[in-house]
Amino acid sequence: MSLFNVYPLFDITPVKAKDIHVFDSNNTKYLDLYGGHAVISIGHSHPEYVKRISEQVSTLGFYSNSIQNPMQVELSEKIETLSGCSDYELFLCNSGAEANENALKLASFHNNRKKVLSFKNSFHGRTSAAVAATDNPNIIAPINAQQEVAFVALGDLEAVKKVLEKGDVCAVIIECIQGVGGLDESSTEFYQGLEMLCKSYGTLLIADEVQSGFGRTGDFFAFQKHDISPDIISMAKGMGNGFPIGGILIHPSIKSSFGLLGTTFGGNHLACAASLAVLEVLESEGLMQNANEISNYFISKARELPKLKTIKGRGLMLGLEFDFPIAELRKNLIFNHHIFTGSAKNPNLLRILPPLTIKKEHVDAFLSALKIELSK
């Protein structure tokens, strides 16, 4: 049986990894500055992470959600402590796509509306809201029997108001730093204005932190820079450092009831062990502080690059934008210098999403290789 061919693949087969490096079947060492779309937050095969999962496998291993699991409570308390999101409630699932689907579903249940508002160049997983990643800024597309998505340009509060004042939008979903779309973000004035509009029209505000959460931006969540309080926060990716886990944080104004949401694998013991290990390492090794320090260093050094148009993003969710498509540059970095980077919907943007354990020496190695390629 062949694989369903929907992803372009580089001819590299990883067989092991350690911290910020990956090794292929020929034992070639690669510098990983992409971490599987921001999945690797505390480094590959971190000893505390491996220990925590191994201990869990050797005792109970996996069990599903029809019994009490005190690890879920422990995880919720740890997230609250490190994020500062007090009084929210946690629902666990398996991925960012599921997190956003559950967030949208919950919003619709809460106010009995069906429409969703998102923003041009946003991306919310392979979900009903993924249509918002299209180029057409005026589309209102039917998604399924329950919901449809409208979207407007990022930063346009007047356009948001025109959609919300119709009174049929259950939620606005937004990435405070866009991921796949190209690392665009707006001002604090916009995000605070958006929150006020949502409150005025009884619409829930969903912060999609699937890629930007768990310390990647230097804050626990990207929205926290703007001093807003979303009604629902979705998260995944770096939450499990490679183990599938996702979740939503739900404001106490949204009430739970039996059967409202459901999951088979969400919040299982192994997933909780993985995420708890991530949080413990984030805290003990000061990785959010490291994200800020390395980001400042990276940005200061990257400004010296030739042909660079702009630097986008925050923390260790960064992008280098050029005046030319970066596809060939990205290949050359992989095959000539053994460095993994990422791409975006913007064909001129090179994305950098390394483990939060990255050091200045890794930044120097990357920028040296990049200068060589840009000088050709």
Protein backbone atom coordinates (compact mmCIF):
# COMPACT_ATOMS: atom_id res chain seq x y z
CA MET A 1 0.00 0.00 0.00
CA SER A 2 1.35 3.45 -0.90
CA LEU A 3 1.08 6.56 1.23
CA PHE A 4 -1.48 9.22 0.34
CA ASN A 5 0.79 11.83 -1.20
CA VAL A 6 -0.24 15.21 0.22
CA TYR A 7 3.07 16.50 1.61
CA PRO A 8 6.30 17.31 -0.29
CA LEU A 9 9.08 15.48 1.55
CA PHE A 10 12.83 16.05 1.70
CA ASP A 11 14.95 12.95 1.18
CA ILE A 12 16.08 12.77 4.81
CA THR A 13 15.22 10.05 7.32
CA PRO A 14 15.72 11.09 10.96
CA VAL A 15 16.59 8.21 13.29
CA LYS A 16 17.52 10.01 16.53
CA ALA A 17 17.61 13.47 18.04
CA LYS A 18 19.11 15.27 21.01
CA ASP A 19 18.22 18.77 22.19
CA ILE A 20 18.44 21.02 19.13
CA HIS A 21 20.01 18.44 16.79
CA VAL A 22 18.58 15.67 14.62
CA PHE A 23 20.56 12.78 13.12
CA ASP A 24 19.63 10.96 9.91
CA SER A 25 20.15 7.34 8.85
CA ASN A 26 23.68 8.25 7.67
CA ASN A 27 24.45 9.78 11.09
CA THR A 28 24.52 13.26 9.56
CA LYS A 29 23.92 15.90 12.23
CA TYR A 30 21.32 18.60 11.51
CA LEU A 31 20.64 21.81 13.40
CA ASP A 32 16.87 21.87 13.94
CA LEU A 33 15.54 25.44 13.82
CA TYR A 34 11.98 24.40 13.01
CA GLY A 35 11.05 21.75 15.57
CA GLY A 36 8.26 20.18 13.53
CA HIS A 37 6.14 23.37 13.24
CA ALA A 38 7.04 24.61 16.75
CA VAL A 39 6.28 21.25 18.36
CA ILE A 40 9.66 20.76 20.06
CA SER A 41 9.65 23.21 22.93
CA ILE A 42 12.14 21.79 25.46
CA GLY A 43 14.49 20.08 23.00
CA HIS A 44 14.51 16.60 21.53
CA SER A 45 14.77 13.72 24.01
CA HIS A 46 15.13 15.91 27.06
CA PRO A 47 16.14 13.57 29.93
CA GLU A 48 13.38 14.77 32.28
CA TYR A 49 10.82 14.36 29.49
CA VAL A 50 12.04 10.85 28.64
CA LYS A 51 12.08 9.91 32.33
CA ARG A 52 8.54 11.13 32.97
CA ILE A 53 7.05 9.30 29.98
CA SER A 54 9.05 6.13 30.65
CA GLU A 55 7.85 6.00 34.24
CA GLN A 56 4.28 6.43 33.09
CA VAL A 57 4.60 3.66 30.51
CA SER A 58 6.06 1.32 33.10
CA THR A 59 3.14 1.84 35.50
CA LEU A 60 -0.26 2.53 33.98
CA GLY A 61 0.70 3.64 30.48
CA PHE A 62 -2.36 4.82 28.59
CA TYR A 63 -5.90 4.90 29.82
CA SER A 64 -8.85 6.74 28.38
CA ASN A 65 -11.39 9.15 29.80
CA SER A 66 -14.10 7.20 31.59
CA ILE A 67 -12.29 7.20 34.93
CA GLN A 68 -10.74 9.82 37.16
CA ASN A 69 -7.26 10.93 36.15
CA PRO A 70 -5.59 13.08 38.83
CA MET A 71 -2.84 13.97 36.35
CA GLN A 72 -5.35 16.14 34.49
CA VAL A 73 -5.91 18.14 37.67
CA GLU A 74 -2.17 18.41 38.23
CA LEU A 75 -1.72 19.60 34.65
CA SER A 76 -4.46 22.20 34.92
CA GLU A 77 -2.95 23.59 38.12
CA LYS A 78 0.52 23.74 36.59
CA ILE A 79 -0.76 25.55 33.49
CA GLU A 80 -2.58 28.05 35.71
CA THR A 81 0.56 28.68 37.76
CA LEU A 82 2.90 29.25 34.82
CA SER A 83 0.46 31.05 32.53
CA GLY A 84 -1.21 33.24 35.15
CA CYS A 85 -4.60 32.45 33.57
CA SER A 86 -6.47 32.15 36.86
CA ASP A 87 -9.91 30.57 37.14
CA TYR A 88 -10.03 29.21 33.58
CA GLU A 89 -11.08 25.57 33.18
CA LEU A 90 -9.24 23.00 31.06
CA PHE A 91 -10.56 20.61 28.42
CA LEU A 92 -7.99 18.26 26.90
CA CYS A 93 -7.92 16.80 23.39
CA ASN A 94 -5.23 15.60 20.97
CA SER A 95 -4.20 18.35 18.55
CA GLY A 96 -4.53 21.98 17.60
CA ALA A 97 -7.16 21.19 15.01
CA GLU A 98 -9.29 19.48 17.66
CA ALA A 99 -8.68 22.31 20.11
CA ASN A 100 -9.99 24.89 17.65
CA GLU A 101 -12.94 22.73 16.61
CA ASN A 102 -13.92 22.32 20.25
CA ALA A 103 -13.46 26.04 20.88
CA LEU A 104 -15.75 26.92 17.97
CA LYS A 105 -18.30 24.31 18.98
CA LEU A 106 -18.33 25.52 22.57
CA ALA A 107 -18.80 29.13 21.47
CA SER A 108 -21.75 28.15 19.31
CA PHE A 109 -23.33 26.21 22.18
CA HIS A 110 -22.80 29.15 24.52
CA ASN A 111 -24.62 31.84 22.55
CA ASN A 112 -26.61 29.72 20.10
CA ARG A 113 -25.06 31.37 17.03
CA LYS A 114 -23.43 29.77 14.03
CA LYS A 115 -21.09 32.21 12.27
CA VAL A 116 -17.37 32.62 12.98
CA LEU A 117 -15.15 35.61 12.20
CA SER A 118 -11.48 35.15 11.44
CA PHE A 119 -8.76 37.11 9.65
CA LYS A 120 -7.04 37.10 6.30
CA ASN A 121 -3.98 34.84 6.22
CA SER A 122 -4.95 33.16 9.47
CA PHE A 123 -4.72 29.41 9.90
CA HIS A 124 -6.50 27.38 12.55
CA GLY A 125 -5.57 23.83 11.62
CA ARG A 126 -7.25 21.42 9.24
CA THR A 127 -10.57 22.53 10.66
CA SER A 128 -13.73 24.31 9.68
CA ALA A 129 -11.91 27.61 10.25
CA ALA A 130 -9.03 26.72 7.95
CA VAL A 131 -10.96 28.33 5.09
CA ALA A 132 -9.88 31.64 6.61
CA ALA A 133 -6.42 31.06 5.17
CA THR A 134 -7.71 31.81 1.68
CA ASP A 135 -6.69 34.91 -0.28
CA ASN A 136 -10.23 36.23 -0.72
CA PRO A 137 -10.85 38.83 2.02
CA ASN A 138 -14.61 38.97 1.51
CA ILE A 139 -15.66 35.35 1.43
CA ILE A 140 -18.36 33.96 3.68
CA ALA A 141 -18.02 30.23 3.18
CA PRO A 142 -20.38 27.51 4.41
CA ILE A 143 -18.34 25.05 6.44
CA ASN A 144 -20.73 22.43 7.70
CA ALA A 145 -24.28 22.18 8.89
CA GLN A 146 -23.46 24.14 12.04
CA GLN A 147 -21.04 26.93 11.21
CA GLU A 148 -19.75 29.27 8.54
CA VAL A 149 -16.74 31.57 8.54
CA ALA A 150 -16.45 35.21 7.55
CA PHE A 151 -13.12 36.97 7.64
CA VAL A 152 -11.65 40.44 7.38
CA ALA A 153 -8.21 42.03 7.18
CA LEU A 154 -6.09 41.88 10.32
CA GLY A 155 -6.18 45.23 12.14
CA ASP A 156 -9.46 46.46 10.64
CA LEU A 157 -11.73 47.10 13.63
CA GLU A 158 -14.36 48.85 11.53
CA ALA A 159 -14.73 45.76 9.35
CA VAL A 160 -15.00 43.60 12.47
CA LYS A 161 -17.74 45.84 13.83
CA LYS A 162 -19.77 45.60 10.60
CA VAL A 163 -19.74 41.82 10.84
CA LEU A 164 -20.45 41.60 14.58
CA GLU A 165 -23.29 44.12 14.65
CA LYS A 166 -25.46 41.68 12.70
CA GLY A 167 -25.67 39.67 15.92
CA ASP A 168 -25.13 36.21 14.41
CA VAL A 169 -21.40 35.61 15.08
CA CYS A 170 -20.68 33.13 17.87
CA ALA A 171 -16.92 33.74 18.01
CA VAL A 172 -13.97 35.68 16.70
CA ILE A 173 -10.90 33.45 16.43
CA ILE A 174 -7.48 35.06 16.09
CA GLU A 175 -3.78 34.30 16.23
CA CYS A 176 -2.03 37.21 17.95
CA ILE A 177 0.96 36.23 15.85
CA GLN A 178 -0.07 34.46 12.66
CA GLY A 179 1.80 31.22 12.01
CA VAL A 180 1.37 29.62 8.61
CA GLY A 181 0.08 32.92 7.23
CA GLY A 182 3.43 34.64 7.69
CA LEU A 183 3.96 35.97 11.26
CA ASP A 184 1.88 39.12 10.84
CA GLU A 185 0.53 40.74 13.99
CA SER A 186 -1.37 43.90 14.82
CA SER A 187 -1.20 46.51 17.58
CA THR A 188 -2.26 46.33 21.21
CA GLU A 189 -4.87 48.95 20.35
CA PHE A 190 -6.39 46.56 17.81
CA TYR A 191 -6.47 43.52 20.12
CA GLN A 192 -7.97 45.49 22.98
CA GLY A 193 -10.51 47.04 20.60
CA LEU A 194 -11.36 43.58 19.32
CA GLU A 195 -11.99 42.36 22.87
CA MET A 196 -14.28 45.33 23.53
CA LEU A 197 -16.27 44.72 20.33
CA CYS A 198 -16.72 41.06 21.21
CA LYS A 199 -18.04 41.97 24.66
CA SER A 200 -20.37 44.60 23.17
CA TYR A 201 -22.00 42.16 20.77
CA GLY A 202 -22.05 39.02 22.94
CA THR A 203 -19.43 37.30 20.77
CA LEU A 204 -16.75 35.07 22.29
CA LEU A 205 -13.09 35.85 21.66
CA ILE A 206 -10.95 32.78 20.94
CA ALA A 207 -7.16 33.18 21.11
CA ASP A 208 -5.51 30.54 18.94
CA GLU A 209 -2.24 29.84 20.76
CA VAL A 210 -1.63 26.47 19.12
CA GLN A 211 1.70 27.55 17.67
CA SER A 212 2.52 30.57 19.84
CA GLY A 213 1.66 29.15 23.26
CA PHE A 214 3.67 27.42 25.97
CA GLY A 215 6.40 30.03 26.14
CA ARG A 216 7.34 30.33 22.48
CA THR A 217 6.97 34.11 22.32
CA GLY A 218 8.69 34.75 25.66
CA ASP A 219 5.31 35.10 27.33
CA PHE A 220 3.39 31.95 28.16
CA PHE A 221 0.77 33.01 25.58
CA ALA A 222 1.22 35.57 22.79
CA PHE A 223 -1.99 37.45 23.67
CA GLN A 224 -0.62 38.35 27.10
CA LYS A 225 1.54 41.12 25.64
CA HIS A 226 -1.69 42.99 24.86
CA ASP A 227 -3.38 42.72 28.28
CA ILE A 228 -6.55 41.02 27.06
CA SER A 229 -8.55 38.08 28.48
CA PRO A 230 -9.92 35.77 25.80
CA ASP A 231 -13.01 33.70 26.50
CA ILE A 232 -11.34 30.56 25.13
CA ILE A 233 -7.64 29.82 24.55
CA SER A 234 -6.63 26.95 22.26
CA MET A 235 -3.24 25.25 22.57
CA ALA A 236 -1.28 22.23 21.32
CA LYS A 237 2.10 21.77 19.49
CA GLY A 238 4.77 22.70 22.09
CA MET A 239 2.40 21.56 24.81
CA GLY A 240 3.60 17.94 24.46
CA ASN A 241 7.09 18.29 22.91
CA GLY A 242 6.19 15.71 20.29
CA PHE A 243 3.52 13.73 22.11
CA PRO A 244 0.03 14.43 20.68
CA ILE A 245 -1.90 16.65 23.05
CA GLY A 246 -4.07 19.73 22.74
CA GLY A 247 -6.54 21.60 24.84
CA ILE A 248 -8.62 24.67 25.45
CA LEU A 249 -8.76 26.97 28.46
CA ILE A 250 -12.31 28.13 29.09
CA HIS A 251 -13.36 31.29 30.93
CA PRO A 252 -15.61 30.64 33.97
CA SER A 253 -18.44 32.63 32.34
CA ILE A 254 -18.91 29.61 30.04
CA LYS A 255 -20.67 26.87 31.95
CA SER A 256 -20.02 23.15 31.52
CA SER A 257 -22.54 20.34 31.37
CA PHE A 258 -22.30 16.60 30.85
CA GLY A 259 -22.00 15.69 27.17
CA LEU A 260 -21.17 19.22 26.01
CA LEU A 261 -17.75 18.12 24.69
CA GLY A 262 -16.17 14.70 24.39
CA THR A 263 -12.96 12.87 23.52
CA THR A 264 -11.55 9.34 23.45
CA PHE A 265 -7.82 9.93 23.76
CA GLY A 266 -7.78 13.49 25.10
CA GLY A 267 -6.08 13.92 28.47
CA ASN A 268 -4.82 10.35 28.70
CA HIS A 269 -2.11 9.54 31.22
CA LEU A 270 0.79 9.54 28.76
CA ALA A 271 -0.26 12.86 27.25
CA CYS A 272 -0.53 14.43 30.70
CA ALA A 273 2.89 13.07 31.66
CA ALA A 274 4.40 14.59 28.51
CA SER A 275 2.87 18.01 29.08
CA LEU A 276 3.75 18.07 32.77
CA ALA A 277 7.36 17.34 31.86
CA VAL A 278 7.32 20.25 29.40
CA LEU A 279 6.00 22.64 32.03
CA GLU A 280 8.47 21.48 34.65
CA VAL A 281 11.42 21.99 32.29
CA LEU A 282 10.09 25.35 31.06
CA GLU A 283 10.07 26.49 34.69
CA SER A 284 13.25 24.88 36.03
CA GLU A 285 15.44 25.90 33.07
CA GLY A 286 13.97 29.37 32.60
CA LEU A 287 13.14 28.71 28.97
CA MET A 288 10.72 31.62 28.54
CA GLN A 289 13.47 33.97 29.67
CA ASN A 290 15.84 32.20 27.29
CA ALA A 291 13.35 32.70 24.45
CA ASN A 292 13.44 36.45 25.06
CA GLU A 293 17.21 36.64 25.40
CA ILE A 294 17.96 34.55 22.32
CA SER A 295 15.31 36.42 20.35
CA ASN A 296 16.98 39.75 21.08
CA TYR A 297 20.35 38.30 20.12
CA PHE A 298 18.98 36.72 16.93
CA ILE A 299 17.27 39.94 15.81
CA SER A 300 20.33 42.10 16.47
CA LYS A 301 22.59 39.77 14.49
CA ALA A 302 20.07 39.09 11.70
CA ARG A 303 19.88 42.81 10.90
CA GLU A 304 23.37 42.43 9.41
CA LEU A 305 22.17 39.96 6.76
CA PRO A 306 22.37 41.03 3.13
CA LYS A 307 19.16 41.15 1.08
CA LEU A 308 16.98 41.06 4.21
CA LYS A 309 13.71 42.96 3.89
CA THR A 310 12.32 42.64 7.43
CA ILE A 311 12.30 40.50 10.57
CA LYS A 312 8.90 39.33 11.78
CA GLY A 313 7.60 37.72 14.94
CA ARG A 314 8.46 37.65 18.61
CA GLY A 315 10.38 35.42 20.98
CA LEU A 316 11.36 32.23 19.15
CA MET A 317 8.52 32.52 16.66
CA LEU A 318 10.48 34.43 14.03
CA GLY A 319 10.57 35.00 10.31
CA LEU A 320 13.15 36.47 7.92
CA GLU A 321 11.49 38.07 4.92
CA PHE A 322 13.35 38.63 1.66
CA ASP A 323 12.43 40.11 -1.72
CA PHE A 324 12.62 36.69 -3.38
CA PRO A 325 11.11 33.22 -2.84
CA ILE A 326 13.08 31.29 -0.22
CA ALA A 327 12.32 27.73 -1.40
CA GLU A 328 15.76 27.23 -2.96
CA LEU A 329 17.47 28.95 -0.04
CA ARG A 330 15.73 26.62 2.38
CA LYS A 331 16.89 23.56 0.40
CA ASN A 332 20.45 24.84 0.33
CA LEU A 333 20.43 25.34 4.08
CA ILE A 334 19.31 21.73 4.52
CA PHE A 335 21.59 20.00 2.03
CA ASN A 336 24.65 22.29 2.09
CA HIS A 337 24.68 23.24 5.78
CA HIS A 338 22.43 20.65 7.45
CA ILE A 339 20.06 23.20 8.98
CA PHE A 340 16.28 22.79 9.16
CA THR A 341 14.15 25.91 8.76
CA GLY A 342 10.51 26.45 7.77
CA SER A 343 8.40 28.16 5.15
CA ALA A 344 5.08 30.02 5.24
CA LYS A 345 2.22 30.98 3.01
CA ASN A 346 4.29 34.05 2.21
CA PRO A 347 6.78 32.52 -0.27
CA ASN A 348 9.48 35.04 0.70
CA LEU A 349 9.47 34.22 4.42
CA LEU A 350 11.92 31.86 6.10
CA ARG A 351 10.41 30.71 9.41
CA ILE A 352 12.48 30.01 12.54
CA LEU A 353 10.77 27.97 15.29
CA PRO A 354 13.56 26.27 17.23
CA PRO A 355 13.43 24.47 20.56
CA LEU A 356 13.38 26.98 23.41
CA THR A 357 16.70 25.50 24.57
CA ILE A 358 18.56 27.14 21.66
CA LYS A 359 21.83 28.94 22.46
CA LYS A 360 23.68 31.86 20.89
CA GLU A 361 26.19 29.49 19.28
CA HIS A 362 23.35 27.88 17.31
CA VAL A 363 22.15 31.27 16.13
CA ASP A 364 25.69 32.13 15.02
CA ALA A 365 26.01 28.87 13.07
CA PHE A 366 22.72 29.50 11.29
CA LEU A 367 23.45 33.12 10.39
CA SER A 368 26.92 32.21 9.13
CA ALA A 369 25.44 29.58 6.83
CA LEU A 370 22.72 31.99 5.71
CA LYS A 371 25.28 34.68 4.84
CA ILE A 372 27.18 32.18 2.70
CA GLU A 373 24.03 31.29 0.75
CA LEU A 374 22.92 34.91 0.37
CA SER A 375 26.30 35.94 -0.99
CA LYS A 376 26.12 33.48 -3.90
